[in-house]
Protein backbone atom coordinates (compact mmCIF):
# COMPACT_ATOMS: atom_id res chain seq x y z
CA MET A 1 -13.30 -9.90 -1.95
CA ARG A 2 -14.54 -13.04 -0.37
CA ARG A 3 -12.87 -15.10 -3.07
CA VAL A 4 -9.50 -13.31 -2.56
CA LEU A 5 -9.74 -13.91 1.05
CA ALA A 6 -10.49 -17.57 0.60
CA LEU A 7 -7.57 -17.91 -1.78
CA MET A 8 -5.15 -16.37 0.58
CA LEU A 9 -6.17 -18.42 3.54
CA LEU A 10 -5.86 -21.45 1.40
CA ALA A 11 -2.27 -20.42 0.41
CA VAL A 12 -1.32 -19.97 4.04
CA GLY A 13 -2.40 -23.50 4.71
CA LEU A 14 -0.50 -24.82 1.70
CA THR A 15 2.75 -23.28 2.91
CA THR A 16 2.86 -25.41 6.16
CA PRO A 17 2.63 -29.09 5.10
CA ALA A 18 5.77 -31.27 4.76
CA ALA A 19 5.39 -31.28 0.91
CA ALA A 20 7.71 -28.48 0.68
CA GLN A 21 11.33 -29.78 0.99
CA PRO A 22 12.80 -29.37 4.39
CA ARG A 23 15.81 -27.06 4.94
CA PRO A 24 17.92 -26.22 7.92
CA GLN A 25 16.94 -23.41 10.30
CA ALA A 26 17.87 -20.08 8.65
CA LEU A 27 20.98 -18.37 10.27
CA HIS A 28 19.27 -15.05 9.95
CA ASN A 29 15.87 -15.10 11.46
CA GLN A 30 14.97 -11.37 10.98
CA SER A 31 14.63 -9.36 7.80
CA ILE A 32 13.68 -5.84 6.59
CA GLY A 33 11.98 -5.39 3.21
CA VAL A 34 11.53 -2.19 1.10
CA GLY A 35 9.72 -1.90 -2.22
CA ALA A 36 7.20 -0.19 -4.39
CA GLN A 37 3.34 -0.63 -4.17
CA TRP A 38 0.36 0.49 -6.19
CA ALA A 39 -2.46 0.52 -3.54
CA LEU A 40 -5.58 2.67 -3.83
CA PRO A 41 -6.02 5.53 -4.20
CA HIS A 42 -3.23 5.14 -6.77
CA THR A 43 -4.80 5.47 -10.30
CA GLY A 44 -1.89 4.12 -12.44
CA ARG A 45 -1.94 7.36 -14.60
CA GLY A 46 1.71 8.07 -14.50
CA GLU A 47 1.92 8.66 -10.83
CA ARG A 48 4.80 7.55 -8.79
CA PRO A 49 4.16 4.27 -6.92
CA GLY A 50 4.03 4.21 -3.04
CA VAL A 51 6.40 2.71 -0.56
CA GLN A 52 5.89 -0.74 1.14
CA ALA A 53 8.11 -1.60 4.15
CA SER A 54 8.14 -4.46 6.57
CA TRP A 55 9.87 -6.17 9.39
CA ARG A 56 9.73 -9.99 9.60
CA ARG A 57 10.84 -12.51 12.21
CA ARG A 58 11.03 -16.22 11.60
CA LEU A 59 9.74 -18.25 14.38
CA SER A 60 10.33 -21.56 12.64
CA PRO A 61 11.21 -22.83 9.05
CA ARG A 62 7.58 -22.57 8.22
CA LEU A 63 6.10 -19.89 10.50
CA GLY A 64 6.73 -16.19 11.07
CA VAL A 65 5.29 -12.75 11.98
CA GLU A 66 5.38 -9.44 10.16
CA THR A 67 4.90 -5.85 10.81
CA THR A 68 4.13 -3.86 7.54
CA PHE A 69 3.68 -0.18 6.59
CA ARG A 70 2.67 1.39 3.31
CA TRP A 71 2.47 5.04 2.23
CA TRP A 72 1.44 6.86 -0.98
CA SER A 73 0.84 10.56 -1.85
CA ARG A 74 -0.08 12.70 -4.74
CA SER A 75 -0.17 16.41 -5.06
CA THR A 76 -1.95 18.36 -7.85
CA THR A 77 -2.11 22.01 -8.77
CA MET A 78 -4.65 23.75 -11.03
CA THR A 79 -4.62 27.43 -12.00
CA PHE A 80 -7.35 29.52 -13.54
CA ASP A 81 -6.77 32.91 -14.90
CA SER A 82 -9.58 35.02 -16.48
CA PRO A 83 -8.88 38.82 -17.45
CA ALA A 84 -11.35 41.49 -16.85
CA GLY A 85 -13.90 42.08 -19.69
CA GLU A 86 -17.49 42.83 -20.51
CA ASN A 87 -20.30 40.71 -21.44
CA ALA A 88 -22.91 41.18 -24.21
CA ALA A 89 -24.98 43.40 -21.97
CA GLY A 90 -22.02 45.77 -21.18
CA VAL A 91 -21.68 44.49 -17.65
CA VAL A 92 -18.02 44.60 -16.46
CA ILE A 93 -16.71 41.17 -15.34
CA PRO A 94 -13.72 41.46 -12.94
CA ALA A 95 -10.51 39.55 -13.50
CA VAL A 96 -10.33 36.16 -11.71
CA GLN A 97 -7.05 34.55 -10.63
CA ARG A 98 -7.51 31.08 -8.96
CA ARG A 99 -4.93 28.45 -7.73
CA ASP A 100 -6.03 25.21 -6.30
CA ASP A 101 -3.57 22.99 -4.43
CA ARG A 102 -4.63 19.50 -3.31
CA ARG A 103 -2.84 16.65 -1.62
CA ILE A 104 -4.17 13.03 -1.19
CA SER A 105 -2.25 10.59 0.91
CA SER A 106 -2.93 7.08 2.11
CA TYR A 107 -1.35 5.05 4.89
CA GLY A 108 -1.66 1.60 6.07
CA LEU A 109 -0.11 -0.38 9.08
CA GLY A 110 -0.58 -4.11 9.75
CA VAL A 111 0.65 -6.94 11.89
CA GLY A 112 0.30 -10.41 10.54
CA VAL A 113 1.20 -14.09 10.63
CA LEU A 114 3.10 -15.69 7.80
CA GLY A 115 3.41 -19.05 6.51
CA THR A 116 6.39 -20.02 4.43
CA GLY A 117 7.33 -22.96 2.00
CA SER A 118 10.83 -22.96 0.38
CA ILE A 119 12.43 -24.87 -2.45
CA GLY A 120 16.16 -24.07 -3.07
CA ARG A 121 16.49 -20.37 -3.58
CA LEU A 122 12.63 -19.72 -4.01
CA SER A 123 10.33 -19.11 -1.01
CA PHE A 124 6.57 -18.65 -1.07
CA ASN A 125 4.95 -16.46 1.74
CA ALA A 126 1.43 -16.05 2.48
CA GLY A 127 -0.24 -14.50 5.52
CA ALA A 128 -2.85 -12.23 7.02
CA GLY A 129 -3.56 -10.05 10.00
CA PRO A 130 -5.36 -6.93 11.30
CA GLY A 131 -4.56 -3.44 9.74
CA PHE A 132 -5.25 0.29 10.43
CA PHE A 133 -5.72 2.49 7.37
CA VAL A 134 -5.83 6.21 6.97
CA ASP A 135 -6.81 8.14 3.81
CA ARG A 136 -6.42 11.94 3.99
CA SER A 137 -6.95 14.86 1.73
CA THR A 138 -6.14 18.57 2.08
CA TYR A 139 -6.74 21.60 -0.15
CA ASP A 140 -5.75 25.29 -0.37
CA THR A 141 -7.66 27.41 -2.82
CA ARG A 142 -6.66 31.06 -3.37
CA THR A 143 -9.01 33.20 -5.47
CA ASN A 144 -7.92 36.84 -6.05
CA GLY A 145 -5.83 36.76 -2.79
CA LEU A 146 -8.55 35.14 -0.61
CA LEU A 147 -7.51 31.74 0.85
CA GLU A 148 -9.79 28.75 1.63
CA SER A 149 -8.24 25.75 3.19
CA GLY A 150 -9.79 22.43 4.30
CA SER A 151 -8.93 18.79 5.03
CA SER A 152 -10.66 15.44 5.76
CA ALA A 153 -9.39 12.12 6.93
CA LEU A 154 -10.95 8.70 6.97
CA ARG A 155 -9.59 6.14 9.53
CA SER A 156 -10.72 2.57 9.80
CA PHE A 157 -9.63 -0.88 11.07
CA GLY A 158 -9.64 -3.79 8.70
CA LEU A 159 -7.59 -6.86 7.49
CA TYR A 160 -4.74 -7.22 5.08
CA MET A 161 -3.44 -10.39 3.36
CA LEU A 162 -0.50 -11.17 1.08
CA MET A 163 1.06 -13.68 -1.26
CA GLU A 164 4.82 -13.21 -2.24
CA LEU A 165 7.51 -15.08 -4.11
CA ASP A 166 10.99 -14.47 -2.71
CA VAL A 167 14.16 -15.24 -4.65
CA ARG A 168 17.33 -15.46 -2.52
CA VAL A 169 20.20 -13.76 -4.18
CA THR A 170 22.74 -14.02 -1.35
CA SER A 171 22.61 -15.37 2.15
CA ARG A 172 21.23 -11.97 3.32
CA LEU A 173 19.78 -10.31 0.05
CA SER A 174 16.57 -11.46 -1.73
CA ALA A 175 14.18 -9.88 -4.33
CA PHE A 176 10.43 -10.42 -3.92
CA ALA A 177 7.25 -9.79 -5.84
CA GLY A 178 3.70 -10.47 -4.90
CA VAL A 179 0.14 -9.36 -4.29
CA ARG A 180 -1.35 -7.72 -1.23
CA SER A 181 -5.02 -7.32 -0.45
CA GLU A 182 -6.79 -5.16 1.93
CA LEU A 183 -10.26 -4.99 3.43
CA ARG A 184 -10.00 -1.45 4.84
CA ASP A 185 -13.11 -1.51 6.84
CA VAL A 186 -14.45 -4.64 8.58
CA ARG A 187 -17.91 -3.06 8.70
CA ASN A 188 -17.98 -2.79 4.85
CA SER A 189 -17.49 -5.82 2.70
CA GLU A 190 -17.12 -3.58 -0.32
CA SER A 191 -13.98 -1.82 0.91
CA GLY A 192 -11.63 -4.47 -0.30
CA SER A 193 -8.96 -3.98 -2.92
CA GLY A 194 -5.67 -5.67 -4.11
CA TYR A 195 -2.51 -4.33 -5.55
CA PRO A 196 0.92 -5.60 -6.67
CA THR A 197 4.19 -4.99 -4.81
CA GLY A 198 7.86 -5.72 -5.27
CA GLY A 199 11.28 -4.97 -3.89
CA VAL A 200 14.27 -6.28 -1.96
CA ARG A 201 14.63 -7.79 1.50
CA PHE A 202 17.80 -7.86 3.66
CA ALA A 203 18.09 -10.60 6.42
CA PHE A 204 20.04 -10.14 9.60
C-alpha cells in the first residue's frame, strides 16, 4: 500500500510541470463522470460491477478538485429442504425447510485535489484526498416459518487516490480508464486495496 501511495503522489507531481504541452483554458471547467468499478468486496466471480460517479471542477489548466462516490451491492439466496425421515435408530427426524437471504453493499465518498497534464486529445489525471467508507451486510434466515434477521455495518475514514487516462471524443464528451486505490481506515495500514474503473465524462 505504501508503494501505491508513493507512486500516486509522484504521478500528481508529474502532471504539474511545464513539460506537458500548454493548451488554452478549457471552455467547460466542470464535468460529471459515470462508469463501472470493481472495488472490494467485489470478487470478480461473474458479479456485476459497481457504479463510480464523480463531479470535477477545473481551477486551472493543471489543477482541479473532485467529489466522487462509488457503490456496489450483491444479493445471494440459499435454500435447504430436508424431508422428514428416520435415522438408523428409528428416531423420527422432522422436515427442515430453510431459506437464507443475504445482501452485501459497499459505499465510498471522497473529496480530492487533481493534477492534470494534457497532450492533444489525451489527458492524464492523478489525485488524492480524504474518504469515508461504509461496508454493510444484512441477512434474513427463515427456518420452518421462524424468521431470524440481522445486520452489521463498518464505517471508517481513510484516503483515496486515483490515476486516470482521459480521451476526448468531442468538446464535451470523453472516455476514461484508470486505477483507484483506497486506504479505508487510516488506523490500519493493511486496509488498502486498488481496483480498475472506466466510463464516460460529460463537460459543461
